[in-house]
């Protein structure tokens, strides 16, 4: 995949094709996932091993705000997105469709809200630990392996026609939203 873009104001090209839908820089998304994973792992360690719960309360509330900003205004305006942009400024952008990423971030938002409510209500034990470990695993998959399970789920739902295809569904990491062939085959039969 050849990616060309010298700045955000120019056309975004992938394999010579201009993207018309909203896009996200995959490099920034992976770095943002790594930042949230590191913060979450530290907070989890304090809660799990030292029984010190204020870090996980604070981090879960921060994650809620961060994911809310990602979903509503985009990664480039979220706190972790700003840091990720700074850290990846020397890398060529890898553009992917924003719609599957927003869907994945919506799932992260729901889990962050659940963790913020649970931990700030004073609930400790298996429930918040399980949610936290699931979140950490998902963030690790995104940051380290580049596997966005929310994007994969989004692609699955589009292939099953549980979600409509649209112009915002052009390029996804690792081909997670490759529905073009499926939709074309259905139209020809």
Protein backbone atom coordinates (compact mmCIF):
# COMPACT_ATOMS: atom_id res chain seq x y z
CA UNK A 1 0.00 0.00 0.00
CA UNK A 2 1.54 3.29 -1.10
CA UNK A 3 0.59 6.28 1.01
CA UNK A 4 1.20 9.86 0.00
CA UNK A 5 0.40 13.04 1.90
CA UNK A 6 2.71 15.87 2.80
CA UNK A 7 0.25 17.66 5.08
CA UNK A 8 -3.33 17.42 6.25
CA UNK A 9 -4.60 19.99 3.73
CA UNK A 10 -3.58 17.96 0.68
CA UNK A 11 -5.53 15.10 -0.84
CA UNK A 12 -5.01 11.78 0.91
CA UNK A 13 -3.95 9.08 -1.52
CA UNK A 14 -3.73 5.33 -0.96
CA UNK A 15 -2.42 3.27 -3.88
CA UNK A 16 -2.99 6.31 -6.11
CA UNK A 17 -6.67 6.53 -5.14
CA UNK A 18 -7.92 9.68 -3.45
CA UNK A 19 -9.84 9.02 -0.26
CA UNK A 20 -13.10 10.94 0.01
CA UNK A 21 -14.22 9.79 3.44
CA UNK A 22 -13.00 10.79 6.89
CA UNK A 23 -9.70 9.13 7.72
CA UNK A 24 -7.46 8.52 10.72
CA UNK A 25 -3.69 8.11 10.76
CA UNK A 26 -3.21 4.48 11.79
CA UNK A 27 0.24 5.25 13.23
CA UNK A 28 -1.30 7.81 15.59
CA UNK A 29 -4.12 5.44 16.54
CA UNK A 30 -1.64 2.70 17.47
CA UNK A 31 0.51 5.07 19.53
CA UNK A 32 -2.59 6.40 21.31
CA UNK A 33 -3.55 2.79 22.10
CA UNK A 34 -0.07 2.23 23.51
CA UNK A 35 -0.33 5.31 25.71
CA UNK A 36 -3.71 4.25 27.09
CA UNK A 37 -2.43 0.71 27.59
CA UNK A 38 0.55 1.94 29.62
CA UNK A 39 -1.62 4.22 31.79
CA UNK A 40 -4.18 1.45 32.27
CA UNK A 41 -1.54 -1.14 33.17
CA UNK A 42 -0.01 1.12 35.81
CA UNK A 43 -3.42 1.90 37.33
CA UNK A 44 -4.39 -1.79 37.25
CA UNK A 45 -1.14 -2.80 38.96
CA UNK A 46 -1.71 -0.32 41.80
CA UNK A 47 -5.30 -1.49 42.27
CA UNK A 48 -4.58 -5.18 42.00
CA UNK A 49 -1.34 -5.49 43.96
CA UNK A 50 -1.24 -2.52 46.35
CA UNK A 51 -5.02 -2.11 46.82
CA UNK A 52 -4.53 1.57 45.94
CA UNK A 53 -7.62 2.52 43.93
CA UNK A 54 -7.36 6.25 43.21
CA UNK A 55 -5.14 5.69 40.12
CA UNK A 56 -7.67 3.39 38.47
CA UNK A 57 -10.52 5.75 39.34
CA UNK A 58 -8.63 8.66 37.82
CA UNK A 59 -7.43 6.77 34.75
CA UNK A 60 -10.88 5.31 33.99
CA UNK A 61 -12.43 8.80 34.17
CA UNK A 62 -9.63 10.15 31.94
CA UNK A 63 -10.20 7.31 29.45
CA UNK A 64 -13.91 8.14 29.35
CA UNK A 65 -13.13 11.76 28.45
CA UNK A 66 -10.42 10.74 25.96
CA UNK A 67 -12.65 8.24 24.15
CA UNK A 68 -15.56 10.66 24.18
CA UNK A 69 -13.41 13.29 22.46
CA UNK A 70 -12.18 10.67 19.95
CA UNK A 71 -15.71 9.63 19.06
CA UNK A 72 -17.16 13.15 18.87
CA UNK A 73 -14.26 15.29 17.59
CA UNK A 74 -11.67 12.82 16.32
CA UNK A 75 -8.38 11.34 17.49
CA UNK A 76 -6.46 14.50 16.61
CA UNK A 77 -8.30 16.45 19.35
CA UNK A 78 -8.11 13.90 22.17
CA UNK A 79 -5.37 14.21 24.80
CA UNK A 80 -3.72 10.92 23.86
CA UNK A 81 -4.17 11.74 20.18
CA UNK A 82 -2.29 15.00 20.62
CA UNK A 83 0.62 13.18 22.27
CA UNK A 84 0.47 10.44 19.60
CA UNK A 85 0.63 13.05 16.83
CA UNK A 86 3.70 14.59 18.47
CA UNK A 87 5.40 11.19 18.74
CA UNK A 88 4.62 10.20 15.12
CA UNK A 89 5.27 13.55 13.42
CA UNK A 90 8.29 12.18 11.51
CA UNK A 91 6.47 9.13 10.16
CA UNK A 92 4.52 9.11 6.91
CA UNK A 93 0.82 8.83 7.72
CA UNK A 94 -0.99 5.57 7.07
CA UNK A 95 -4.58 6.59 6.33
CA UNK A 96 -7.44 4.31 7.30
CA UNK A 97 -11.19 4.93 7.34
CA UNK A 98 -12.45 6.74 10.41
CA UNK A 99 -15.82 4.99 10.67
CA UNK A 100 -14.52 1.58 11.90
CA UNK A 101 -12.11 3.34 14.27
CA UNK A 102 -14.95 5.45 15.69
CA UNK A 103 -16.96 2.28 16.21
CA UNK A 104 -14.01 0.72 18.08
CA UNK A 105 -13.57 3.88 20.15
CA UNK A 106 -17.30 3.79 20.97
CA UNK A 107 -16.76 0.32 22.45
CA UNK A 108 -13.79 1.72 24.40
CA UNK A 109 -16.00 4.59 25.56
CA UNK A 110 -18.60 2.13 26.88
CA UNK A 111 -15.95 0.13 28.74
CA UNK A 112 -14.34 3.30 30.13
CA UNK A 113 -17.74 4.53 31.34
CA UNK A 114 -18.41 1.17 32.98
CA UNK A 115 -15.00 1.23 34.68
CA UNK A 116 -15.41 4.86 35.80
CA UNK A 117 -18.83 4.15 37.32
CA UNK A 118 -17.76 0.86 38.91
CA UNK A 119 -14.46 2.04 40.37
CA UNK A 120 -15.74 5.42 41.52
CA UNK A 121 -18.67 3.66 43.22
CA UNK A 122 -16.18 1.78 45.38
CA UNK A 123 -16.70 -1.60 43.72
CA UNK A 124 -13.53 -3.70 43.71
CA UNK A 125 -12.95 -7.32 42.86
CA UNK A 126 -13.49 -9.59 39.86
CA UNK A 127 -15.82 -7.34 37.83
CA UNK A 128 -13.55 -4.29 37.44
CA UNK A 129 -10.49 -6.53 37.15
CA UNK A 130 -12.06 -8.47 34.29
CA UNK A 131 -13.17 -5.34 32.43
CA UNK A 132 -9.74 -3.79 32.94
CA UNK A 133 -7.91 -6.87 31.69
CA UNK A 134 -10.13 -7.04 28.61
CA UNK A 135 -9.41 -3.36 27.90
CA UNK A 136 -5.67 -3.89 28.37
CA UNK A 137 -5.72 -6.89 26.03
CA UNK A 138 -7.60 -4.92 23.34
CA UNK A 139 -5.21 -1.96 23.65
CA UNK A 140 -2.21 -4.31 23.47
CA UNK A 141 -3.56 -5.94 20.31
CA UNK A 142 -4.01 -2.51 18.69
CA UNK A 143 -0.71 -0.99 19.84
CA UNK A 144 1.61 -3.95 19.36
CA UNK A 145 0.02 -6.08 16.64
CA UNK A 146 -2.00 -3.42 14.82
CA UNK A 147 -5.12 -5.57 15.27
CA UNK A 148 -8.18 -3.43 15.93
CA UNK A 149 -10.84 -5.89 17.09
CA UNK A 150 -13.48 -3.14 17.03
CA UNK A 151 -12.62 -2.57 13.35
CA UNK A 152 -12.82 -6.32 12.73
CA UNK A 153 -16.24 -6.42 14.40
CA UNK A 154 -17.37 -3.44 12.32
CA UNK A 155 -16.24 -5.19 9.13
CA UNK A 156 -18.04 -8.36 10.18
CA UNK A 157 -21.26 -6.42 10.77
CA UNK A 158 -21.02 -4.75 7.35
CA UNK A 159 -20.36 -8.08 5.62
CA UNK A 160 -23.44 -9.49 7.37
CA UNK A 161 -25.38 -6.37 6.31
CA UNK A 162 -26.07 -5.47 9.93
CA UNK A 163 -24.55 -2.07 9.12
CA UNK A 164 -24.83 -0.26 5.80
CA UNK A 165 -21.83 0.28 3.55
CA UNK A 166 -20.97 3.85 2.69
CA UNK A 167 -18.20 6.05 1.34
CA UNK A 168 -16.53 6.17 4.75
CA UNK A 169 -15.72 2.50 4.38
CA UNK A 170 -12.72 2.64 2.08
CA UNK A 171 -9.46 1.54 3.71
CA UNK A 172 -9.00 -0.27 7.02
CA UNK A 173 -5.92 -1.65 8.74
CA UNK A 174 -5.10 -5.23 7.78
CA UNK A 175 -8.10 -5.36 5.42
CA UNK A 176 -10.53 -5.52 8.36
CA UNK A 177 -13.27 -3.82 6.36
CA UNK A 178 -12.68 -5.44 2.97
CA UNK A 179 -16.29 -5.71 1.91
CA UNK A 180 -15.95 -4.41 -1.65
CA UNK A 181 -15.64 -7.88 -3.15
CA UNK A 182 -18.49 -9.26 -1.05
CA UNK A 183 -20.82 -6.40 -2.01
CA UNK A 184 -19.86 -6.61 -5.70
CA UNK A 185 -20.44 -10.38 -5.77
CA UNK A 186 -23.88 -9.92 -4.23
CA UNK A 187 -24.81 -7.30 -6.83
CA UNK A 188 -23.78 -9.54 -9.75
CA UNK A 189 -25.70 -12.61 -8.58
